[in-house]
Amino acid sequence: MGPSEIKKIIESGVPGSQVVVEGNDGRHFRATVISDVFIGKNRLQQQQLVYSALGDHIQNGTIHAISIKTFTPEQWHSPTSK
C-alpha cells in the first residue's frame, strides 16, 4: 500500500479532509490531516477519527506504522501551530 491509497482511505473516512501522506518504504508513513470535523475535539479524539478510518489496514499490518498530525483549518493557517 502506498501513500496515495492511504490518502484516499483517510479522505473517505474523514469527510471534507485535506490529506498529505508521505512515506516511501511501503510500511511507515506520515499523514497530515486538515478537517472541519476536528473543530471542538482534542488531539486524541482527532487522531482516533483518523485511526478509525484506517481500521483494518492497521490491524492486519498493511500499515505497520503511521505518524498522524491533525489540524482544524484555522490551526493549519496559524503560523504557530505547525
PDB file of N, CA and C in Angstrom:
ATOM      1  N   MET A   1       0.849  -1.179   0.000  1.00  0.00           N
ATOM      2  CA  MET A   1       0.000   0.000   0.000  1.00  0.00           C
ATOM      3  C   MET A   1       0.889   1.235   0.000  1.00  0.00           C
ATOM      4  N   GLY A   2       0.511   2.207  -0.801  1.00  0.00           N
ATOM      5  CA  GLY A   2       1.315   3.413  -0.911  1.00  0.00           C
ATOM      6  C   GLY A   2       0.605   4.637  -0.355  1.00  0.00           C
ATOM      7  N   PRO A   3       1.317   5.764  -0.323  1.00  0.00           N
ATOM      8  CA  PRO A   3       0.754   6.992   0.213  1.00  0.00           C
ATOM      9  C   PRO A   3      -0.555   7.426  -0.450  1.00  0.00           C
ATOM     10  N   SER A   4      -0.674   7.274  -1.753  1.00  0.00           N
ATOM     11  CA  SER A   4      -1.897   7.723  -2.433  1.00  0.00           C
ATOM     12  C   SER A   4      -3.110   6.892  -2.010  1.00  0.00           C
ATOM     13  N   GLU A   5      -2.904   5.602  -1.769  1.00  0.00           N
ATOM     14  CA  GLU A   5      -4.011   4.753  -1.314  1.00  0.00           C
ATOM     15  C   GLU A   5      -4.434   5.127   0.107  1.00  0.00           C
ATOM     16  N   ILE A   6      -3.457   5.377   0.961  1.00  0.00           N
ATOM     17  CA  ILE A   6      -3.761   5.772   2.339  1.00  0.00           C
ATOM     18  C   ILE A   6      -4.486   7.112   2.341  1.00  0.00           C
ATOM     19  N   LYS A   7      -4.041   8.023   1.496  1.00  0.00           N
ATOM     20  CA  LYS A   7      -4.693   9.335   1.368  1.00  0.00           C
ATOM     21  C   LYS A   7      -6.174   9.166   1.039  1.00  0.00           C
ATOM     22  N   LYS A   8      -6.485   8.310   0.085  1.00  0.00           N
ATOM     23  CA  LYS A   8      -7.871   8.079  -0.327  1.00  0.00           C
ATOM     24  C   LYS A   8      -8.690   7.471   0.820  1.00  0.00           C
ATOM     25  N   ILE A   9      -8.100   6.546   1.558  1.00  0.00           N
ATOM     26  CA  ILE A   9      -8.801   5.910   2.678  1.00  0.00           C
ATOM     27  C   ILE A   9      -9.137   6.946   3.746  1.00  0.00           C
ATOM     28  N   ILE A  10      -8.162   7.790   4.089  1.00  0.00           N
ATOM     29  CA  ILE A  10      -8.407   8.813   5.103  1.00  0.00           C
ATOM     30  C   ILE A  10      -9.448   9.811   4.618  1.00  0.00           C
ATOM     31  N   GLU A  11      -9.331  10.246   3.373  1.00  0.00           N
ATOM     32  CA  GLU A  11     -10.292  11.219   2.825  1.00  0.00           C
ATOM     33  C   GLU A  11     -11.713  10.663   2.827  1.00  0.00           C
ATOM     34  N   SER A  12     -11.859   9.369   2.569  1.00  0.00           N
ATOM     35  CA  SER A  12     -13.208   8.796   2.576  1.00  0.00           C
ATOM     36  C   SER A  12     -13.725   8.600   3.997  1.00  0.00           C
ATOM     37  N   GLY A  13     -12.825   8.391   4.961  1.00  0.00           N
ATOM     38  CA  GLY A  13     -13.236   8.182   6.348  1.00  0.00           C
ATOM     39  C   GLY A  13     -13.368   9.448   7.165  1.00  0.00           C
ATOM     40  N   VAL A  14     -12.718  10.524   6.709  1.00  0.00           N
ATOM     41  CA  VAL A  14     -12.800  11.820   7.396  1.00  0.00           C
ATOM     42  C   VAL A  14     -13.326  12.816   6.353  1.00  0.00           C
ATOM     43  N   PRO A  15     -14.642  12.952   6.270  1.00  0.00           N
ATOM     44  CA  PRO A  15     -15.259  13.770   5.225  1.00  0.00           C
ATOM     45  C   PRO A  15     -14.738  15.210   5.197  1.00  0.00           C
ATOM     46  N   GLY A  16     -14.529  15.712   3.997  1.00  0.00           N
ATOM     47  CA  GLY A  16     -14.095  17.095   3.814  1.00  0.00           C
ATOM     48  C   GLY A  16     -12.659  17.357   4.209  1.00  0.00           C
ATOM     49  N   SER A  17     -11.880  16.307   4.362  1.00  0.00           N
ATOM     50  CA  SER A  17     -10.493  16.490   4.808  1.00  0.00           C
ATOM     51  C   SER A  17      -9.557  16.760   3.645  1.00  0.00           C
ATOM     52  N   GLN A  18      -8.471  17.440   3.978  1.00  0.00           N
ATOM     53  CA  GLN A  18      -7.340  17.600   3.074  1.00  0.00           C
ATOM     54  C   GLN A  18      -6.234  16.755   3.685  1.00  0.00           C
ATOM     55  N   VAL A  19      -5.637  15.893   2.890  1.00  0.00           N
ATOM     56  CA  VAL A  19      -4.694  14.913   3.426  1.00  0.00           C
ATOM     57  C   VAL A  19      -3.416  14.887   2.605  1.00  0.00           C
ATOM     58  N   VAL A  20      -2.291  14.855   3.303  1.00  0.00           N
ATOM     59  CA  VAL A  20      -0.993  14.636   2.679  1.00  0.00           C
ATOM     60  C   VAL A  20      -0.378  13.441   3.391  1.00  0.00           C
ATOM     61  N   VAL A  21       0.026  12.432   2.612  1.00  0.00           N
ATOM     62  CA  VAL A  21       0.664  11.248   3.189  1.00  0.00           C
ATOM     63  C   VAL A  21       2.027  11.085   2.551  1.00  0.00           C
ATOM     64  N   GLU A  22       3.027  10.871   3.394  1.00  0.00           N
ATOM     65  CA  GLU A  22       4.393  10.667   2.927  1.00  0.00           C
ATOM     66  C   GLU A  22       4.907   9.330   3.459  1.00  0.00           C
ATOM     67  N   GLY A  23       5.860   8.789   2.750  1.00  0.00           N
ATOM     68  CA  GLY A  23       6.488   7.537   3.150  1.00  0.00           C
ATOM     69  C   GLY A  23       6.783   6.727   1.907  1.00  0.00           C
ATOM     70  N   ASN A  24       8.001   6.210   1.818  1.00  0.00           N
ATOM     71  CA  ASN A  24       8.356   5.515   0.579  1.00  0.00           C
ATOM     72  C   ASN A  24       8.823   4.077   0.785  1.00  0.00           C
ATOM     73  N   ASP A  25       8.689   3.549   2.012  1.00  0.00           N
ATOM     74  CA  ASP A  25       9.116   2.159   2.211  1.00  0.00           C
ATOM     75  C   ASP A  25       7.947   1.179   2.186  1.00  0.00           C
ATOM     76  N   GLY A  26       6.718   1.695   2.015  1.00  0.00           N
ATOM     77  CA  GLY A  26       5.555   0.834   1.914  1.00  0.00           C
ATOM     78  C   GLY A  26       4.978   0.373   3.242  1.00  0.00           C
ATOM     79  N   ARG A  27       5.592   0.753   4.365  1.00  0.00           N
ATOM     80  CA  ARG A  27       5.093   0.294   5.668  1.00  0.00           C
ATOM     81  C   ARG A  27       5.075   1.376   6.737  1.00  0.00           C
ATOM     82  N   HIS A  28       5.863   2.428   6.560  1.00  0.00           N
ATOM     83  CA  HIS A  28       5.939   3.516   7.536  1.00  0.00           C
ATOM     84  C   HIS A  28       5.537   4.816   6.848  1.00  0.00           C
ATOM     85  N   PHE A  29       4.576   5.514   7.455  1.00  0.00           N
ATOM     86  CA  PHE A  29       4.020   6.692   6.796  1.00  0.00           C
ATOM     87  C   PHE A  29       3.843   7.848   7.774  1.00  0.00           C
ATOM     88  N   ARG A  30       3.740   9.051   7.200  1.00  0.00           N
ATOM     89  CA  ARG A  30       3.427  10.274   7.936  1.00  0.00           C
ATOM     90  C   ARG A  30       2.222  10.907   7.244  1.00  0.00           C
ATOM     91  N   ALA A  31       1.194  11.199   8.031  1.00  0.00           N
ATOM     92  CA  ALA A  31      -0.012  11.810   7.465  1.00  0.00           C
ATOM     93  C   ALA A  31      -0.301  13.132   8.155  1.00  0.00           C
ATOM     94  N   THR A  32      -0.639  14.121   7.347  1.00  0.00           N
ATOM     95  CA  THR A  32      -1.130  15.397   7.844  1.00  0.00           C
ATOM     96  C   THR A  32      -2.569  15.501   7.374  1.00  0.00           C
ATOM     97  N   VAL A  33      -3.482  15.713   8.327  1.00  0.00           N
ATOM     98  CA  VAL A  33      -4.909  15.723   8.007  1.00  0.00           C
ATOM     99  C   VAL A  33      -5.522  17.024   8.528  1.00  0.00           C
ATOM    100  N   ILE A  34      -6.183  17.737   7.636  1.00  0.00           N
ATOM    101  CA  ILE A  34      -6.824  19.011   7.967  1.00  0.00           C
ATOM    102  C   ILE A  34      -8.318  18.847   7.701  1.00  0.00           C
ATOM    103  N   SER A  35      -9.140  19.161   8.723  1.00  0.00           N
ATOM    104  CA  SER A  35     -10.573  18.991   8.540  1.00  0.00           C
ATOM    105  C   SER A  35     -11.380  19.808   9.542  1.00  0.00           C
ATOM    106  N   ASP A  36     -12.542  20.277   9.094  1.00  0.00           N
ATOM    107  CA  ASP A  36     -13.502  20.939   9.976  1.00  0.00           C
ATOM    108  C   ASP A  36     -14.052  19.968  11.020  1.00  0.00           C
ATOM    109  N   VAL A  37     -14.024  18.681  10.716  1.00  0.00           N
ATOM    110  CA  VAL A  37     -14.530  17.658  11.634  1.00  0.00           C
ATOM    111  C   VAL A  37     -13.792  17.707  12.973  1.00  0.00           C
ATOM    112  N   PHE A  38     -12.559  18.223  12.965  1.00  0.00           N
ATOM    113  CA  PHE A  38     -11.744  18.258  14.176  1.00  0.00           C
ATOM    114  C   PHE A  38     -12.092  19.411  15.121  1.00  0.00           C
ATOM    115  N   ILE A  39     -12.901  20.356  14.654  1.00  0.00           N
ATOM    116  CA  ILE A  39     -13.247  21.508  15.491  1.00  0.00           C
ATOM    117  C   ILE A  39     -13.958  21.032  16.752  1.00  0.00           C
ATOM    118  N   GLY A  40     -13.478  21.495  17.903  1.00  0.00           N
ATOM    119  CA  GLY A  40     -14.077  21.140  19.187  1.00  0.00           C
ATOM    120  C   GLY A  40     -13.615  19.820  19.759  1.00  0.00           C
ATOM    121  N   LYS A  41     -12.734  19.129  19.046  1.00  0.00           N
ATOM    122  CA  LYS A  41     -12.207  17.852  19.527  1.00  0.00           C
ATOM    123  C   LYS A  41     -10.752  18.035  19.972  1.00  0.00           C
ATOM    124  N   ASN A  42     -10.349  17.288  20.987  1.00  0.00           N
ATOM    125  CA  ASN A  42      -8.950  17.359  21.407  1.00  0.00           C
ATOM    126  C   ASN A  42      -8.087  16.513  20.465  1.00  0.00           C
ATOM    127  N   ARG A  43      -6.774  16.594  20.615  1.00  0.00           N
ATOM    128  CA  ARG A  43      -5.853  15.887  19.699  1.00  0.00           C
ATOM    129  C   ARG A  43      -6.114  14.385  19.677  1.00  0.00           C
ATOM    130  N   LEU A  44      -6.356  13.794  20.842  1.00  0.00           N
ATOM    131  CA  LEU A  44      -6.603  12.356  20.899  1.00  0.00           C
ATOM    132  C   LEU A  44      -7.852  11.991  20.101  1.00  0.00           C
ATOM    133  N   GLN A  45      -8.923  12.738  20.270  1.00  0.00           N
ATOM    134  CA  GLN A  45     -10.152  12.481  19.529  1.00  0.00           C
ATOM    135  C   GLN A  45      -9.947  12.652  18.026  1.00  0.00           C
ATOM    136  N   GLN A  46      -9.163  13.653  17.654  1.00  0.00           N
ATOM    137  CA  GLN A  46      -8.872  13.877  16.234  1.00  0.00           C
ATOM    138  C   GLN A  46      -8.118  12.685  15.649  1.00  0.00           C
ATOM    139  N   GLN A  47      -7.083  12.235  16.357  1.00  0.00           N
ATOM    140  CA  GLN A  47      -6.301  11.108  15.862  1.00  0.00           C
ATOM    141  C   GLN A  47      -7.120   9.819  15.839  1.00  0.00           C
ATOM    142  N   GLN A  48      -8.014   9.659  16.815  1.00  0.00           N
ATOM    143  CA  GLN A  48      -8.869   8.473  16.825  1.00  0.00           C
ATOM    144  C   GLN A  48      -9.751   8.421  15.582  1.00  0.00           C
ATOM    145  N   LEU A  49     -10.222   9.577  15.119  1.00  0.00           N
ATOM    146  CA  LEU A  49     -11.020   9.611  13.895  1.00  0.00           C
ATOM    147  C   LEU A  49     -10.209   9.110  12.698  1.00  0.00           C
ATOM    148  N   VAL A  50      -8.953   9.513  12.628  1.00  0.00           N
ATOM    149  CA  VAL A  50      -8.105   9.096  11.509  1.00  0.00           C
ATOM    150  C   VAL A  50      -7.778   7.610  11.627  1.00  0.00           C
ATOM    151  N   TYR A  51      -7.411   7.161  12.832  1.00  0.00           N
ATOM    152  CA  TYR A  51      -7.122   5.733  13.029  1.00  0.00           C
ATOM    153  C   TYR A  51      -8.348   4.880  12.718  1.00  0.00           C
ATOM    154  N   SER A  52      -9.517   5.373  13.066  1.00  0.00           N
ATOM    155  CA  SER A  52     -10.750   4.650  12.774  1.00  0.00           C
ATOM    156  C   SER A  52     -10.929   4.479  11.266  1.00  0.00           C
ATOM    157  N   ALA A  53     -10.610   5.515  10.516  1.00  0.00           N
ATOM    158  CA  ALA A  53     -10.718   5.441   9.053  1.00  0.00           C
ATOM    159  C   ALA A  53      -9.760   4.387   8.488  1.00  0.00           C
ATOM    160  N   LEU A  54      -8.604   4.234   9.114  1.00  0.00           N
ATOM    161  CA  LEU A  54      -7.590   3.285   8.630  1.00  0.00           C
ATOM    162  C   LEU A  54      -7.844   1.867   9.130  1.00  0.00           C
ATOM    163  N   GLY A  55      -8.611   1.748  10.231  1.00  0.00           N
ATOM    164  CA  GLY A  55      -9.060   0.494  10.817  1.00  0.00           C
ATOM    165  C   GLY A  55      -8.315  -0.774  10.492  1.00  0.00           C
ATOM    166  N   ASP A  56      -8.886  -1.561   9.594  1.00  0.00           N
ATOM    167  CA  ASP A  56      -8.359  -2.895   9.275  1.00  0.00           C
ATOM    168  C   ASP A  56      -6.938  -2.857   8.735  1.00  0.00           C
ATOM    169  N   HIS A  57      -6.568  -1.790   8.063  1.00  0.00           N
ATOM    170  CA  HIS A  57      -5.232  -1.714   7.466  1.00  0.00           C
ATOM    171  C   HIS A  57      -4.143  -1.657   8.538  1.00  0.00           C
ATOM    172  N   ILE A  58      -4.474  -1.088   9.682  1.00  0.00           N
ATOM    173  CA  ILE A  58      -3.525  -1.078  10.798  1.00  0.00           C
ATOM    174  C   ILE A  58      -3.588  -2.420  11.514  1.00  0.00           C
ATOM    175  N   GLN A  59      -4.798  -2.918  11.736  1.00  0.00           N
ATOM    176  CA  GLN A  59      -4.990  -4.188  12.440  1.00  0.00           C
ATOM    177  C   GLN A  59      -4.286  -5.355  11.742  1.00  0.00           C
ATOM    178  N   ASN A  60      -4.378  -5.399  10.417  1.00  0.00           N
ATOM    179  CA  ASN A  60      -3.787  -6.534   9.699  1.00  0.00           C
ATOM    180  C   ASN A  60      -2.324  -6.314   9.312  1.00  0.00           C
ATOM    181  N   GLY A  61      -1.756  -5.173   9.679  1.00  0.00           N
ATOM    182  CA  GLY A  61      -0.342  -4.928   9.434  1.00  0.00           C
ATOM    183  C   GLY A  61       0.003  -4.376   8.065  1.00  0.00           C
ATOM    184  N   THR A  62      -1.004  -4.096   7.234  1.00  0.00           N
ATOM    185  CA  THR A  62      -0.728  -3.487   5.930  1.00  0.00           C
ATOM    186  C   THR A  62      -0.012  -2.162   6.131  1.00  0.00           C
ATOM    187  N   ILE A  63      -0.475  -1.409   7.129  1.00  0.00           N
ATOM    188  CA  ILE A  63       0.217  -0.187   7.540  1.00  0.00           C
ATOM    189  C   ILE A  63       0.888  -0.523   8.861  1.00  0.00           C
ATOM    190  N   HIS A  64       2.189  -0.630   8.835  1.00  0.00           N
ATOM    191  CA  HIS A  64       2.925  -1.016  10.038  1.00  0.00           C
ATOM    192  C   HIS A  64       3.011   0.136  11.033  1.00  0.00           C
ATOM    193  N   ALA A  65       3.270   1.327  10.530  1.00  0.00           N
ATOM    194  CA  ALA A  65       3.408   2.493  11.414  1.00  0.00           C
ATOM    195  C   ALA A  65       2.994   3.748  10.657  1.00  0.00           C
ATOM    196  N   ILE A  66       2.239   4.597  11.360  1.00  0.00           N
ATOM    197  CA  ILE A  66       1.853   5.869  10.758  1.00  0.00           C
ATOM    198  C   ILE A  66       1.857   6.946  11.836  1.00  0.00           C
ATOM    199  N   SER A  67       2.491   8.044  11.505  1.00  0.00           N
ATOM    200  CA  SER A  67       2.511   9.221  12.372  1.00  0.00           C
ATOM    201  C   SER A  67       1.465  10.168  11.824  1.00  0.00           C
ATOM    202  N   ILE A  68       0.572  10.629  12.704  1.00  0.00           N
ATOM    203  CA  ILE A  68      -0.532  11.462  12.255  1.00  0.00           C
ATOM    204  C   ILE A  68      -0.484  12.824  12.944  1.00  0.00           C
ATOM    205  N   LYS A  69      -0.562  13.872  12.137  1.00  0.00           N
ATOM    206  CA  LYS A  69      -0.724  15.235  12.652  1.00  0.00           C
ATOM    207  C   LYS A  69      -2.067  15.734  12.158  1.00  0.00           C
ATOM    208  N   THR A  70      -2.878  16.236  13.085  1.00  0.00           N
ATOM    209  CA  THR A  70      -4.208  16.711  12.724  1.00  0.00           C
ATOM    210  C   THR A  70      -4.332  18.203  13.018  1.00  0.00           C
ATOM    211  N   PHE A  71      -5.107  18.870  12.171  1.00  0.00           N
ATOM    212  CA  PHE A  71      -5.311  20.311  12.298  1.00  0.00           C
ATOM    213  C   PHE A  71      -6.731  20.668  11.884  1.00  0.00           C
ATOM    214  N   THR A  72      -7.311  21.655  12.549  1.00  0.00           N
ATOM    215  CA  THR A  72      -8.506  22.295  12.005  1.00  0.00           C
ATOM    216  C   THR A  72      -7.992  23.258  10.936  1.00  0.00           C
ATOM    217  N   PRO A  73      -8.843  23.718  10.037  1.00  0.00           N
ATOM    218  CA  PRO A  73      -8.374  24.692   9.039  1.00  0.00           C
ATOM    219  C   PRO A  73      -7.768  25.942   9.690  1.00  0.00           C
ATOM    220  N   GLU A  74      -8.366  26.398  10.774  1.00  0.00           N
ATOM    221  CA  GLU A  74      -7.846  27.579  11.470  1.00  0.00           C
ATOM    222  C   GLU A  74      -6.438  27.307  12.026  1.00  0.00           C
ATOM    223  N   GLN A  75      -6.257  26.146  12.629  1.00  0.00           N
ATOM    224  CA  GLN A  75      -4.933  25.791  13.155  1.00  0.00           C
ATOM    225  C   GLN A  75      -3.914  25.683  12.025  1.00  0.00           C
ATOM    226  N   TRP A  76      -4.321  25.112  10.916  1.00  0.00           N
ATOM    227  CA  TRP A  76      -3.420  24.921   9.789  1.00  0.00           C
ATOM    228  C   TRP A  76      -2.906  26.260   9.249  1.00  0.00           C
ATOM    229  N   HIS A  77      -3.778  27.252   9.247  1.00  0.00           N
ATOM    230  CA  HIS A  77      -3.394  28.561   8.720  1.00  0.00           C
ATOM    231  C   HIS A  77      -2.683  29.434   9.732  1.00  0.00           C
ATOM    232  N   SER A  78      -2.591  28.974  10.973  1.00  0.00           N
ATOM    233  CA  SER A  78      -1.891  29.715  12.018  1.00  0.00           C
ATOM    234  C   SER A  78      -0.411  29.379  11.951  1.00  0.00           C
ATOM    235  N   PRO A  79       0.465  30.368  11.862  1.00  0.00           N
ATOM    236  CA  PRO A  79       1.902  30.100  11.737  1.00  0.00           C
ATOM    237  C   PRO A  79       2.513  29.431  12.968  1.00  0.00           C
ATOM    238  N   THR A  80       1.863  29.472  14.103  1.00  0.00           N
ATOM    239  CA  THR A  80       2.442  28.891  15.311  1.00  0.00           C
ATOM    240  C   THR A  80       2.021  27.451  15.566  1.00  0.00           C
ATOM    241  N   SER A  81       1.113  26.897  14.762  1.00  0.00           N
ATOM    242  CA  SER A  81       0.585  25.573  15.053  1.00  0.00           C
ATOM    243  C   SER A  81       1.420  24.435  14.482  1.00  0.00           C
ATOM    244  N   LYS A  82       2.255  24.697  13.541  1.00  0.00           N
ATOM    245  CA  LYS A  82       2.997  23.611  12.887  1.00  0.00           C
ATOM    246  C   LYS A  82       4.306  23.479  13.570  1.00  0.00           C
TER     247      LYS A  82
END
